[in-house]
Amino acid sequence: MKHFMMKLFVVIMMAAASFTMTASGVETETQAAGSRGQQVVNYAKKFVGNKYKYGGTSLTKGADCSGFTMSVYKKFGKKLPHSSSAQRRVGKKVSGGLRKAKAGDIICYSGHVAIYMGNNKIVHASNSAKYPKGGIKISNNAKYKKILAIRRLV
């Protein structure tokens, strides 16, 4: 009986180890997918404080909202149009509103576009007023305007 119990214990431990490896493998894939969006956010945040420039695409010398998202995503191999309305059609549609949005998603408004950071925050290029009112900045209310679309690129 002792021998049988020892074999049973070994089988249970092996099964548990196999389940743990599988579960952590899935967790790693999920974290990796989420981390790509976080990489986009981290990169975009490097340019906070830089100026707004209508029609601009330079992250350092000035960008408008769609030029900002276009230039940030270029770093990650994604080609976006230089138009906030056209960016409403890129990537995959995220249904379910802001509660389903993830870091790195593009939040599209009427005449404006931003990158979602998570926790209801966005990073975006907004009007020509001096920073912190304007320029490339972080805003703490992603719902400050009606959201028309949320798009996932990474």
C-alpha atoms as a PDB file:
ATOM      1  CA  MET A   1       0.000   0.000   0.000  1.00  0.00           C
ATOM      2  CA  LYS A   2       2.878   2.359   0.840  1.00  0.00           C
ATOM      3  CA  HIS A   3       4.397   1.738  -2.577  1.00  0.00           C
ATOM      4  CA  PHE A   4       1.057   2.475  -4.306  1.00  0.00           C
ATOM      5  CA  MET A   5       0.630   5.738  -2.337  1.00  0.00           C
ATOM      6  CA  MET A   6       4.152   6.833  -3.274  1.00  0.00           C
ATOM      7  CA  LYS A   7       3.472   6.202  -6.990  1.00  0.00           C
ATOM      8  CA  LEU A   8       0.161   8.071  -6.737  1.00  0.00           C
ATOM      9  CA  PHE A   9       1.919  11.018  -5.077  1.00  0.00           C
ATOM     10  CA  VAL A  10       4.543  11.135  -7.841  1.00  0.00           C
ATOM     11  CA  VAL A  11       1.853  11.040 -10.585  1.00  0.00           C
ATOM     12  CA  ILE A  12      -0.100  13.855  -8.890  1.00  0.00           C
ATOM     13  CA  MET A  13       3.035  15.990  -8.517  1.00  0.00           C
ATOM     14  CA  MET A  14       3.960  15.474 -12.186  1.00  0.00           C
ATOM     15  CA  ALA A  15       0.436  16.413 -13.281  1.00  0.00           C
ATOM     16  CA  ALA A  16       0.526  19.521 -11.096  1.00  0.00           C
ATOM     17  CA  ALA A  17       3.919  20.525 -12.516  1.00  0.00           C
ATOM     18  CA  SER A  18       2.638  20.057 -16.061  1.00  0.00           C
ATOM     19  CA  PHE A  19      -0.439  22.186 -15.336  1.00  0.00           C
ATOM     20  CA  THR A  20       1.707  24.911 -13.764  1.00  0.00           C
ATOM     21  CA  MET A  21       4.002  25.036 -16.803  1.00  0.00           C
ATOM     22  CA  THR A  22       1.014  25.229 -19.170  1.00  0.00           C
ATOM     23  CA  ALA A  23      -0.726  27.899 -17.116  1.00  0.00           C
ATOM     24  CA  SER A  24       2.385  30.027 -16.830  1.00  0.00           C
ATOM     25  CA  GLY A  25       3.022  29.615 -20.576  1.00  0.00           C
ATOM     26  CA  VAL A  26      -0.442  31.038 -21.311  1.00  0.00           C
ATOM     27  CA  GLU A  27       0.145  33.823 -18.808  1.00  0.00           C
ATOM     28  CA  THR A  28       3.433  34.700 -20.496  1.00  0.00           C
ATOM     29  CA  GLU A  29       1.758  34.910 -23.923  1.00  0.00           C
ATOM     30  CA  THR A  30      -0.969  37.155 -22.508  1.00  0.00           C
ATOM     31  CA  GLN A  31       1.581  39.368 -20.769  1.00  0.00           C
ATOM     32  CA  ALA A  32       3.634  39.580 -23.963  1.00  0.00           C
ATOM     33  CA  ALA A  33       0.587  40.692 -25.962  1.00  0.00           C
ATOM     34  CA  GLY A  34      -0.259  43.321 -23.366  1.00  0.00           C
ATOM     35  CA  SER A  35       3.312  44.469 -23.063  1.00  0.00           C
ATOM     36  CA  ARG A  36       3.471  45.450 -26.765  1.00  0.00           C
ATOM     37  CA  GLY A  37       0.718  47.999 -26.160  1.00  0.00           C
ATOM     38  CA  GLN A  38       2.535  49.174 -23.051  1.00  0.00           C
ATOM     39  CA  GLN A  39       5.702  49.577 -25.137  1.00  0.00           C
ATOM     40  CA  VAL A  40       3.742  51.870 -27.470  1.00  0.00           C
ATOM     41  CA  VAL A  41       2.548  53.918 -24.483  1.00  0.00           C
ATOM     42  CA  ASN A  42       6.042  54.110 -22.972  1.00  0.00           C
ATOM     43  CA  TYR A  43       7.467  55.310 -26.278  1.00  0.00           C
ATOM     44  CA  ALA A  44       4.697  57.891 -26.752  1.00  0.00           C
ATOM     45  CA  LYS A  45       5.254  59.253 -23.227  1.00  0.00           C
ATOM     46  CA  LYS A  46       8.856  60.136 -24.124  1.00  0.00           C
ATOM     47  CA  PHE A  47       7.535  63.034 -26.211  1.00  0.00           C
ATOM     48  CA  VAL A  48       5.234  64.592 -23.611  1.00  0.00           C
ATOM     49  CA  GLY A  49       5.955  68.310 -23.390  1.00  0.00           C
ATOM     50  CA  ASN A  50       6.871  68.699 -27.064  1.00  0.00           C
ATOM     51  CA  LYS A  51       4.874  71.140 -29.132  1.00  0.00           C
ATOM     52  CA  TYR A  52       1.765  70.780 -31.235  1.00  0.00           C
ATOM     53  CA  LYS A  53       2.002  71.685 -34.899  1.00  0.00           C
ATOM     54  CA  TYR A  54      -0.958  71.456 -37.250  1.00  0.00           C
ATOM     55  CA  GLY A  55      -0.034  69.056 -40.069  1.00  0.00           C
ATOM     56  CA  GLY A  56       3.154  68.073 -38.244  1.00  0.00           C
ATOM     57  CA  THR A  57       4.501  64.555 -37.860  1.00  0.00           C
ATOM     58  CA  SER A  58       7.685  65.191 -35.881  1.00  0.00           C
ATOM     59  CA  LEU A  59       7.642  63.828 -32.362  1.00  0.00           C
ATOM     60  CA  THR A  60      10.318  66.335 -31.379  1.00  0.00           C
ATOM     61  CA  LYS A  61       9.592  69.421 -33.527  1.00  0.00           C
ATOM     62  CA  GLY A  62       5.800  69.278 -33.527  1.00  0.00           C
ATOM     63  CA  ALA A  63       2.922  67.023 -34.473  1.00  0.00           C
ATOM     64  CA  ASP A  64      -0.836  67.218 -34.679  1.00  0.00           C
ATOM     65  CA  CYS A  65      -2.971  64.441 -33.178  1.00  0.00           C
ATOM     66  CA  SER A  66      -2.936  62.051 -36.141  1.00  0.00           C
ATOM     67  CA  GLY A  67       0.682  62.905 -36.955  1.00  0.00           C
ATOM     68  CA  PHE A  68       1.557  61.964 -33.373  1.00  0.00           C
ATOM     69  CA  THR A  69      -0.180  58.567 -33.476  1.00  0.00           C
ATOM     70  CA  MET A  70       1.159  57.949 -36.996  1.00  0.00           C
ATOM     71  CA  SER A  71       4.754  58.671 -35.923  1.00  0.00           C
ATOM     72  CA  VAL A  72       4.532  56.679 -32.685  1.00  0.00           C
ATOM     73  CA  TYR A  73       3.180  53.622 -34.485  1.00  0.00           C
ATOM     74  CA  LYS A  74       5.766  53.952 -37.274  1.00  0.00           C
ATOM     75  CA  LYS A  75       8.356  52.957 -34.655  1.00  0.00           C
ATOM     76  CA  PHE A  76       6.429  49.690 -34.242  1.00  0.00           C
ATOM     77  CA  GLY A  77       6.184  48.945 -37.964  1.00  0.00           C
ATOM     78  CA  LYS A  78       2.609  50.182 -38.424  1.00  0.00           C
ATOM     79  CA  LYS A  79       1.724  52.567 -41.236  1.00  0.00           C
ATOM     80  CA  LEU A  80      -1.166  54.881 -40.380  1.00  0.00           C
ATOM     81  CA  PRO A  81      -2.833  57.579 -42.483  1.00  0.00           C
ATOM     82  CA  HIS A  82      -2.333  61.217 -41.456  1.00  0.00           C
ATOM     83  CA  SER A  83      -5.995  61.830 -40.695  1.00  0.00           C
ATOM     84  CA  SER A  84      -7.923  61.274 -37.466  1.00  0.00           C
ATOM     85  CA  SER A  85     -11.021  60.135 -39.374  1.00  0.00           C
ATOM     86  CA  ALA A  86      -9.027  57.690 -41.525  1.00  0.00           C
ATOM     87  CA  GLN A  87      -7.387  56.246 -38.408  1.00  0.00           C
ATOM     88  CA  ARG A  88     -10.874  55.149 -37.271  1.00  0.00           C
ATOM     89  CA  ARG A  89     -10.580  52.333 -39.815  1.00  0.00           C
ATOM     90  CA  VAL A  90      -7.091  50.968 -39.063  1.00  0.00           C
ATOM     91  CA  GLY A  91      -6.366  47.852 -37.041  1.00  0.00           C
ATOM     92  CA  LYS A  92      -9.129  45.856 -35.351  1.00  0.00           C
ATOM     93  CA  LYS A  93     -12.302  47.305 -33.898  1.00  0.00           C
ATOM     94  CA  VAL A  94     -12.519  47.048 -30.103  1.00  0.00           C
ATOM     95  CA  SER A  95     -16.131  46.483 -29.087  1.00  0.00           C
ATOM     96  CA  GLY A  96     -17.363  47.089 -25.574  1.00  0.00           C
ATOM     97  CA  GLY A  97     -16.193  50.643 -25.097  1.00  0.00           C
ATOM     98  CA  LEU A  98     -13.413  51.910 -22.884  1.00  0.00           C
ATOM     99  CA  ARG A  99     -13.756  49.012 -20.428  1.00  0.00           C
ATOM    100  CA  LYS A 100     -12.397  46.709 -23.172  1.00  0.00           C
ATOM    101  CA  ALA A 101      -9.622  49.084 -24.287  1.00  0.00           C
ATOM    102  CA  LYS A 102      -6.004  48.180 -23.590  1.00  0.00           C
ATOM    103  CA  ALA A 103      -2.831  50.215 -23.391  1.00  0.00           C
ATOM    104  CA  GLY A 104      -1.727  51.181 -26.896  1.00  0.00           C
ATOM    105  CA  ASP A 105      -5.209  51.207 -28.436  1.00  0.00           C
ATOM    106  CA  ILE A 106      -6.152  54.252 -30.499  1.00  0.00           C
ATOM    107  CA  ILE A 107      -9.110  56.227 -29.163  1.00  0.00           C
ATOM    108  CA  CYS A 108     -10.922  58.071 -31.956  1.00  0.00           C
ATOM    109  CA  TYR A 109     -13.068  61.145 -31.435  1.00  0.00           C
ATOM    110  CA  SER A 110     -14.655  63.554 -33.894  1.00  0.00           C
ATOM    111  CA  GLY A 111     -11.642  65.403 -35.334  1.00  0.00           C
ATOM    112  CA  HIS A 112      -9.179  63.946 -32.825  1.00  0.00           C
ATOM    113  CA  VAL A 113      -7.250  60.765 -32.026  1.00  0.00           C
ATOM    114  CA  ALA A 114      -5.213  59.661 -28.990  1.00  0.00           C
ATOM    115  CA  ILE A 115      -3.338  56.649 -27.611  1.00  0.00           C
ATOM    116  CA  TYR A 116      -4.967  54.924 -24.647  1.00  0.00           C
ATOM    117  CA  MET A 117      -2.682  54.442 -21.645  1.00  0.00           C
ATOM    118  CA  GLY A 118      -5.071  52.479 -19.415  1.00  0.00           C
ATOM    119  CA  ASN A 119      -6.862  53.732 -16.287  1.00  0.00           C
ATOM    120  CA  ASN A 120      -8.927  56.240 -18.305  1.00  0.00           C
ATOM    121  CA  LYS A 121      -5.765  58.129 -19.427  1.00  0.00           C
ATOM    122  CA  ILE A 122      -4.647  59.108 -22.926  1.00  0.00           C
ATOM    123  CA  VAL A 123      -1.449  60.502 -24.426  1.00  0.00           C
ATOM    124  CA  HIS A 124      -2.045  62.803 -27.396  1.00  0.00           C
ATOM    125  CA  ALA A 125      -1.110  65.950 -29.293  1.00  0.00           C
ATOM    126  CA  SER A 126      -3.654  68.620 -28.501  1.00  0.00           C
ATOM    127  CA  ASN A 127      -3.858  72.218 -29.819  1.00  0.00           C
ATOM    128  CA  SER A 128      -1.172  74.829 -30.075  1.00  0.00           C
ATOM    129  CA  ALA A 129      -1.419  76.255 -26.542  1.00  0.00           C
ATOM    130  CA  LYS A 130       1.765  75.975 -24.489  1.00  0.00           C
ATOM    131  CA  TYR A 131       2.325  72.776 -22.545  1.00  0.00           C
ATOM    132  CA  PRO A 132       0.693  71.604 -20.260  1.00  0.00           C
ATOM    133  CA  LYS A 133      -2.507  73.035 -21.812  1.00  0.00           C
ATOM    134  CA  GLY A 134      -1.468  72.060 -25.315  1.00  0.00           C
ATOM    135  CA  GLY A 135       1.195  70.096 -27.108  1.00  0.00           C
ATOM    136  CA  ILE A 136       1.929  66.432 -26.572  1.00  0.00           C
ATOM    137  CA  LYS A 137       0.395  65.670 -23.215  1.00  0.00           C
ATOM    138  CA  ILE A 138      -1.302  63.168 -20.945  1.00  0.00           C
ATOM    139  CA  SER A 139      -4.959  63.694 -20.109  1.00  0.00           C
ATOM    140  CA  ASN A 140      -6.680  61.958 -17.200  1.00  0.00           C
ATOM    141  CA  ASN A 141     -10.102  61.582 -18.806  1.00  0.00           C
ATOM    142  CA  ALA A 142     -10.267  59.501 -21.988  1.00  0.00           C
ATOM    143  CA  LYS A 143     -14.021  60.215 -22.124  1.00  0.00           C
ATOM    144  CA  TYR A 144     -13.569  63.999 -22.251  1.00  0.00           C
ATOM    145  CA  LYS A 145     -15.264  63.854 -25.676  1.00  0.00           C
ATOM    146  CA  LYS A 146     -17.587  61.272 -27.185  1.00  0.00           C
ATOM    147  CA  ILE A 147     -15.568  58.255 -28.296  1.00  0.00           C
ATOM    148  CA  LEU A 148     -16.407  57.243 -31.867  1.00  0.00           C
ATOM    149  CA  ALA A 149     -14.140  54.204 -32.158  1.00  0.00           C
ATOM    150  CA  ILE A 150     -11.433  52.259 -30.391  1.00  0.00           C
ATOM    151  CA  ARG A 151      -8.906  50.490 -32.632  1.00  0.00           C
ATOM    152  CA  ARG A 152      -6.246  47.912 -31.719  1.00  0.00           C
ATOM    153  CA  LEU A 153      -3.011  47.839 -33.727  1.00  0.00           C
ATOM    154  CA  VAL A 154      -0.741  45.740 -31.513  1.00  0.00           C
END
